[in-house]
């Protein structure tokens, strides 16, 4: 089911990602979800693509995280610790929240203590070695500096890929 450009219905349940979506919340509270494989979406700065992928994956009930290779070396220090505002806007259009602070792969790996599936978002040549059972490479163009239509196109592409990944993983439950 594609959800682009329409709000995702809300419920009284609250899921791990905070979206209060009935489908997402019921998946998050399902005890089988506690045993799900950990998925890490990795891109360069954790400000756009990996953030969207994490949000969609959590909506699908997956145990998902996102990280970047490095902190953005922006001249404005406050901008280094913010998600791209365009990402917040286009994800809000469809009712999905996104985390608000970029994290490096080291920060995330210290918190989650390992990952089962690593999904790189177009940084294959620059990505560090992250131990995982499976590595998936998605070549998704970074929308930085592009117009809102391009951001939506990237969002929709990420959504399709996350749904495909979720369906593949659900086949093995």
C-alpha atoms as a PDB file:
ATOM      1  CA  UNK A   1       0.000   0.000   0.000  1.00  0.00           C
ATOM      2  CA  UNK A   2       1.478   3.337  -1.021  1.00  0.00           C
ATOM      3  CA  UNK A   3       0.859   6.219   1.360  1.00  0.00           C
ATOM      4  CA  UNK A   4       2.547   9.078  -0.435  1.00  0.00           C
ATOM      5  CA  UNK A   5       0.803  12.440  -0.488  1.00  0.00           C
ATOM      6  CA  UNK A   6      -1.920  11.328   1.882  1.00  0.00           C
ATOM      7  CA  UNK A   7      -1.951  11.443   5.646  1.00  0.00           C
ATOM      8  CA  UNK A   8      -1.441   8.185   7.444  1.00  0.00           C
ATOM      9  CA  UNK A   9      -4.426   7.527   9.754  1.00  0.00           C
ATOM     10  CA  UNK A  10      -3.792   8.072  13.446  1.00  0.00           C
ATOM     11  CA  UNK A  11      -4.949   5.972  16.412  1.00  0.00           C
ATOM     12  CA  UNK A  12      -4.910   6.191  20.197  1.00  0.00           C
ATOM     13  CA  UNK A  13      -2.042   3.722  20.323  1.00  0.00           C
ATOM     14  CA  UNK A  14       1.449   5.122  20.295  1.00  0.00           C
ATOM     15  CA  UNK A  15       4.184   3.215  18.548  1.00  0.00           C
ATOM     16  CA  UNK A  16       7.926   3.353  19.002  1.00  0.00           C
ATOM     17  CA  UNK A  17       8.269   6.057  16.355  1.00  0.00           C
ATOM     18  CA  UNK A  18       5.526   8.207  17.929  1.00  0.00           C
ATOM     19  CA  UNK A  19       3.209   8.401  14.915  1.00  0.00           C
ATOM     20  CA  UNK A  20       0.097   6.936  16.638  1.00  0.00           C
ATOM     21  CA  UNK A  21      -0.750   5.033  13.478  1.00  0.00           C
ATOM     22  CA  UNK A  22      -2.947   1.976  14.157  1.00  0.00           C
ATOM     23  CA  UNK A  23      -0.981  -0.299  11.833  1.00  0.00           C
ATOM     24  CA  UNK A  24       2.403   0.849  13.071  1.00  0.00           C
ATOM     25  CA  UNK A  25       1.426   0.798  16.771  1.00  0.00           C
ATOM     26  CA  UNK A  26      -0.007  -2.702  16.581  1.00  0.00           C
ATOM     27  CA  UNK A  27       3.175  -3.942  14.929  1.00  0.00           C
ATOM     28  CA  UNK A  28       5.332  -2.187  17.521  1.00  0.00           C
ATOM     29  CA  UNK A  29       3.466  -3.749  20.437  1.00  0.00           C
ATOM     30  CA  UNK A  30       3.526  -7.232  18.928  1.00  0.00           C
ATOM     31  CA  UNK A  31       5.881  -9.413  20.996  1.00  0.00           C
ATOM     32  CA  UNK A  32       7.365 -10.911  17.813  1.00  0.00           C
ATOM     33  CA  UNK A  33       8.648  -7.432  16.957  1.00  0.00           C
ATOM     34  CA  UNK A  34      10.968  -7.611  19.948  1.00  0.00           C
ATOM     35  CA  UNK A  35      12.870 -10.353  18.103  1.00  0.00           C
ATOM     36  CA  UNK A  36      13.055  -8.547  14.760  1.00  0.00           C
ATOM     37  CA  UNK A  37      16.326  -8.103  13.008  1.00  0.00           C
ATOM     38  CA  UNK A  38      17.944  -4.726  13.620  1.00  0.00           C
ATOM     39  CA  UNK A  39      18.161  -2.663  10.441  1.00  0.00           C
ATOM     40  CA  UNK A  40      20.535   0.276  10.090  1.00  0.00           C
ATOM     41  CA  UNK A  41      20.014   2.772   7.258  1.00  0.00           C
ATOM     42  CA  UNK A  42      23.303   4.527   6.572  1.00  0.00           C
ATOM     43  CA  UNK A  43      24.021   7.632   4.493  1.00  0.00           C
ATOM     44  CA  UNK A  44      26.597  10.398   4.627  1.00  0.00           C
ATOM     45  CA  UNK A  45      25.152  12.893   7.145  1.00  0.00           C
ATOM     46  CA  UNK A  46      21.942  11.277   8.493  1.00  0.00           C
ATOM     47  CA  UNK A  47      19.919  14.349   7.550  1.00  0.00           C
ATOM     48  CA  UNK A  48      17.768  13.182   4.619  1.00  0.00           C
ATOM     49  CA  UNK A  49      17.639   9.703   3.017  1.00  0.00           C
ATOM     50  CA  UNK A  50      18.425   7.500   6.006  1.00  0.00           C
ATOM     51  CA  UNK A  51      16.075   9.558   8.192  1.00  0.00           C
ATOM     52  CA  UNK A  52      13.175   8.948   5.791  1.00  0.00           C
ATOM     53  CA  UNK A  53      14.021   5.248   5.521  1.00  0.00           C
ATOM     54  CA  UNK A  54      14.057   4.851   9.304  1.00  0.00           C
ATOM     55  CA  UNK A  55      10.655   6.523   9.605  1.00  0.00           C
ATOM     56  CA  UNK A  56       9.079   4.351   6.886  1.00  0.00           C
ATOM     57  CA  UNK A  57      10.643   1.202   8.352  1.00  0.00           C
ATOM     58  CA  UNK A  58       9.293   1.975  11.819  1.00  0.00           C
ATOM     59  CA  UNK A  59       5.883   2.557  10.259  1.00  0.00           C
ATOM     60  CA  UNK A  60       6.189  -0.933   8.750  1.00  0.00           C
ATOM     61  CA  UNK A  61       6.947  -2.297  12.234  1.00  0.00           C
ATOM     62  CA  UNK A  62      10.636  -2.945  11.648  1.00  0.00           C
ATOM     63  CA  UNK A  63      13.360  -2.470  14.262  1.00  0.00           C
ATOM     64  CA  UNK A  64      15.023   0.367  12.375  1.00  0.00           C
ATOM     65  CA  UNK A  65      17.740   2.926  13.033  1.00  0.00           C
ATOM     66  CA  UNK A  66      19.551   5.494  10.915  1.00  0.00           C
ATOM     67  CA  UNK A  67      23.010   6.998  11.015  1.00  0.00           C
ATOM     68  CA  UNK A  68      25.512   9.019   9.045  1.00  0.00           C
ATOM     69  CA  UNK A  69      29.173   8.561   8.343  1.00  0.00           C
ATOM     70  CA  UNK A  70      30.064  11.908   9.848  1.00  0.00           C
ATOM     71  CA  UNK A  71      28.600  15.074  11.252  1.00  0.00           C
ATOM     72  CA  UNK A  72      27.920  17.707   8.610  1.00  0.00           C
ATOM     73  CA  UNK A  73      30.726  20.269   8.553  1.00  0.00           C
ATOM     74  CA  UNK A  74      28.386  23.210   8.132  1.00  0.00           C
ATOM     75  CA  UNK A  75      29.700  26.649   9.026  1.00  0.00           C
ATOM     76  CA  UNK A  76      26.721  27.159  11.336  1.00  0.00           C
ATOM     77  CA  UNK A  77      27.254  24.734  14.244  1.00  0.00           C
ATOM     78  CA  UNK A  78      23.521  24.676  15.087  1.00  0.00           C
ATOM     79  CA  UNK A  79      22.717  23.431  11.578  1.00  0.00           C
ATOM     80  CA  UNK A  80      25.008  20.420  12.110  1.00  0.00           C
ATOM     81  CA  UNK A  81      22.597  18.988  14.653  1.00  0.00           C
ATOM     82  CA  UNK A  82      19.382  19.372  12.656  1.00  0.00           C
ATOM     83  CA  UNK A  83      17.544  17.232  10.171  1.00  0.00           C
ATOM     84  CA  UNK A  84      16.973  18.841   6.766  1.00  0.00           C
ATOM     85  CA  UNK A  85      13.831  20.984   7.161  1.00  0.00           C
ATOM     86  CA  UNK A  86      12.554  19.849   3.764  1.00  0.00           C
ATOM     87  CA  UNK A  87      12.587  16.235   5.002  1.00  0.00           C
ATOM     88  CA  UNK A  88      10.559  17.194   8.063  1.00  0.00           C
ATOM     89  CA  UNK A  89       8.077  19.000   5.790  1.00  0.00           C
ATOM     90  CA  UNK A  90       7.584  16.215   3.228  1.00  0.00           C
ATOM     91  CA  UNK A  91       7.307  13.511   5.884  1.00  0.00           C
ATOM     92  CA  UNK A  92       4.806  15.643   7.801  1.00  0.00           C
ATOM     93  CA  UNK A  93       2.746  15.864   4.593  1.00  0.00           C
ATOM     94  CA  UNK A  94       2.041  12.149   4.935  1.00  0.00           C
ATOM     95  CA  UNK A  95       1.839  12.130   8.735  1.00  0.00           C
ATOM     96  CA  UNK A  96       5.103  10.425   9.615  1.00  0.00           C
ATOM     97  CA  UNK A  97       7.454  11.843  12.232  1.00  0.00           C
ATOM     98  CA  UNK A  98      11.213  11.838  11.842  1.00  0.00           C
ATOM     99  CA  UNK A  99      13.891  11.902  14.487  1.00  0.00           C
ATOM    100  CA  UNK A 100      15.188  15.396  15.053  1.00  0.00           C
ATOM    101  CA  UNK A 101      18.925  14.918  15.574  1.00  0.00           C
ATOM    102  CA  UNK A 102      21.432  13.365  13.167  1.00  0.00           C
ATOM    103  CA  UNK A 103      23.628  10.619  14.624  1.00  0.00           C
ATOM    104  CA  UNK A 104      26.881   9.082  13.465  1.00  0.00           C
ATOM    105  CA  UNK A 105      27.243   5.359  12.888  1.00  0.00           C
ATOM    106  CA  UNK A 106      29.476   5.173  15.971  1.00  0.00           C
ATOM    107  CA  UNK A 107      26.804   6.789  18.163  1.00  0.00           C
ATOM    108  CA  UNK A 108      24.068   4.465  16.928  1.00  0.00           C
ATOM    109  CA  UNK A 109      26.187   1.309  17.107  1.00  0.00           C
ATOM    110  CA  UNK A 110      27.143   2.137  20.703  1.00  0.00           C
ATOM    111  CA  UNK A 111      23.431   2.305  21.537  1.00  0.00           C
ATOM    112  CA  UNK A 112      22.139  -0.736  19.649  1.00  0.00           C
ATOM    113  CA  UNK A 113      25.150  -3.043  20.085  1.00  0.00           C
ATOM    114  CA  UNK A 114      25.103  -4.563  16.627  1.00  0.00           C
ATOM    115  CA  UNK A 115      23.037  -4.701  13.472  1.00  0.00           C
ATOM    116  CA  UNK A 116      21.621  -7.561  11.402  1.00  0.00           C
ATOM    117  CA  UNK A 117      20.911  -5.722   8.144  1.00  0.00           C
ATOM    118  CA  UNK A 118      22.863  -2.725   6.868  1.00  0.00           C
ATOM    119  CA  UNK A 119      21.221  -0.657   4.128  1.00  0.00           C
ATOM    120  CA  UNK A 120      23.447   1.960   2.521  1.00  0.00           C
ATOM    121  CA  UNK A 121      21.637   4.817   0.820  1.00  0.00           C
ATOM    122  CA  UNK A 122      24.105   5.767  -1.905  1.00  0.00           C
ATOM    123  CA  UNK A 123      27.367   6.064  -0.025  1.00  0.00           C
ATOM    124  CA  UNK A 124      28.734   2.664  -0.993  1.00  0.00           C
ATOM    125  CA  UNK A 125      32.214   3.975  -1.810  1.00  0.00           C
ATOM    126  CA  UNK A 126      32.486   6.007   1.377  1.00  0.00           C
ATOM    127  CA  UNK A 127      30.787   3.647   3.825  1.00  0.00           C
ATOM    128  CA  UNK A 128      32.847   2.150   6.626  1.00  0.00           C
ATOM    129  CA  UNK A 129      32.756  -1.547   7.404  1.00  0.00           C
ATOM    130  CA  UNK A 130      29.819  -2.227   9.693  1.00  0.00           C
ATOM    131  CA  UNK A 131      29.512  -5.863  10.747  1.00  0.00           C
ATOM    132  CA  UNK A 132      26.120  -7.235   9.716  1.00  0.00           C
ATOM    133  CA  UNK A 133      24.539 -10.470   8.526  1.00  0.00           C
ATOM    134  CA  UNK A 134      23.371  -8.809   5.333  1.00  0.00           C
ATOM    135  CA  UNK A 135      24.350  -5.672   3.388  1.00  0.00           C
ATOM    136  CA  UNK A 136      21.941  -4.034   0.956  1.00  0.00           C
ATOM    137  CA  UNK A 137      23.023  -1.123  -1.261  1.00  0.00           C
ATOM    138  CA  UNK A 138      20.344   1.309  -2.420  1.00  0.00           C
ATOM    139  CA  UNK A 139      21.686   3.893  -4.852  1.00  0.00           C
ATOM    140  CA  UNK A 140      19.383   6.782  -3.975  1.00  0.00           C
ATOM    141  CA  UNK A 141      20.365  10.287  -5.001  1.00  0.00           C
ATOM    142  CA  UNK A 142      20.769  12.800  -2.178  1.00  0.00           C
ATOM    143  CA  UNK A 143      18.073  15.490  -2.598  1.00  0.00           C
ATOM    144  CA  UNK A 144      20.145  18.187  -0.865  1.00  0.00           C
ATOM    145  CA  UNK A 145      19.754  21.520  -2.643  1.00  0.00           C
ATOM    146  CA  UNK A 146      16.976  20.296  -4.936  1.00  0.00           C
ATOM    147  CA  UNK A 147      13.354  21.497  -5.051  1.00  0.00           C
ATOM    148  CA  UNK A 148      10.494  20.019  -3.024  1.00  0.00           C
ATOM    149  CA  UNK A 149       9.310  17.914  -5.971  1.00  0.00           C
ATOM    150  CA  UNK A 150      12.654  16.124  -6.069  1.00  0.00           C
ATOM    151  CA  UNK A 151      12.515  15.555  -2.297  1.00  0.00           C
ATOM    152  CA  UNK A 152       9.070  13.977  -2.735  1.00  0.00           C
ATOM    153  CA  UNK A 153      10.370  11.783  -5.550  1.00  0.00           C
ATOM    154  CA  UNK A 154      13.203  10.547  -3.312  1.00  0.00           C
ATOM    155  CA  UNK A 155      10.768  10.051  -0.402  1.00  0.00           C
ATOM    156  CA  UNK A 156       8.484   7.935  -2.586  1.00  0.00           C
ATOM    157  CA  UNK A 157      11.405   5.866  -3.886  1.00  0.00           C
ATOM    158  CA  UNK A 158      12.593   5.207  -0.337  1.00  0.00           C
ATOM    159  CA  UNK A 159       9.070   4.285   0.712  1.00  0.00           C
ATOM    160  CA  UNK A 160       8.784   1.721  -2.108  1.00  0.00           C
ATOM    161  CA  UNK A 161      12.124   0.169  -1.204  1.00  0.00           C
ATOM    162  CA  UNK A 162      11.274  -0.022   2.513  1.00  0.00           C
ATOM    163  CA  UNK A 163       7.929  -1.685   1.749  1.00  0.00           C
ATOM    164  CA  UNK A 164       9.711  -4.220  -0.485  1.00  0.00           C
ATOM    165  CA  UNK A 165      12.262  -4.873   2.270  1.00  0.00           C
ATOM    166  CA  UNK A 166       9.503  -5.293   4.866  1.00  0.00           C
ATOM    167  CA  UNK A 167       7.599  -7.728   2.656  1.00  0.00           C
ATOM    168  CA  UNK A 168      10.764  -9.742   2.044  1.00  0.00           C
ATOM    169  CA  UNK A 169      11.517  -9.955   5.769  1.00  0.00           C
ATOM    170  CA  UNK A 170       7.908 -10.891   6.589  1.00  0.00           C
ATOM    171  CA  UNK A 171       8.158 -13.866   4.221  1.00  0.00           C
ATOM    172  CA  UNK A 172      10.641 -15.431   6.633  1.00  0.00           C
ATOM    173  CA  UNK A 173       8.653 -14.958   9.874  1.00  0.00           C
END
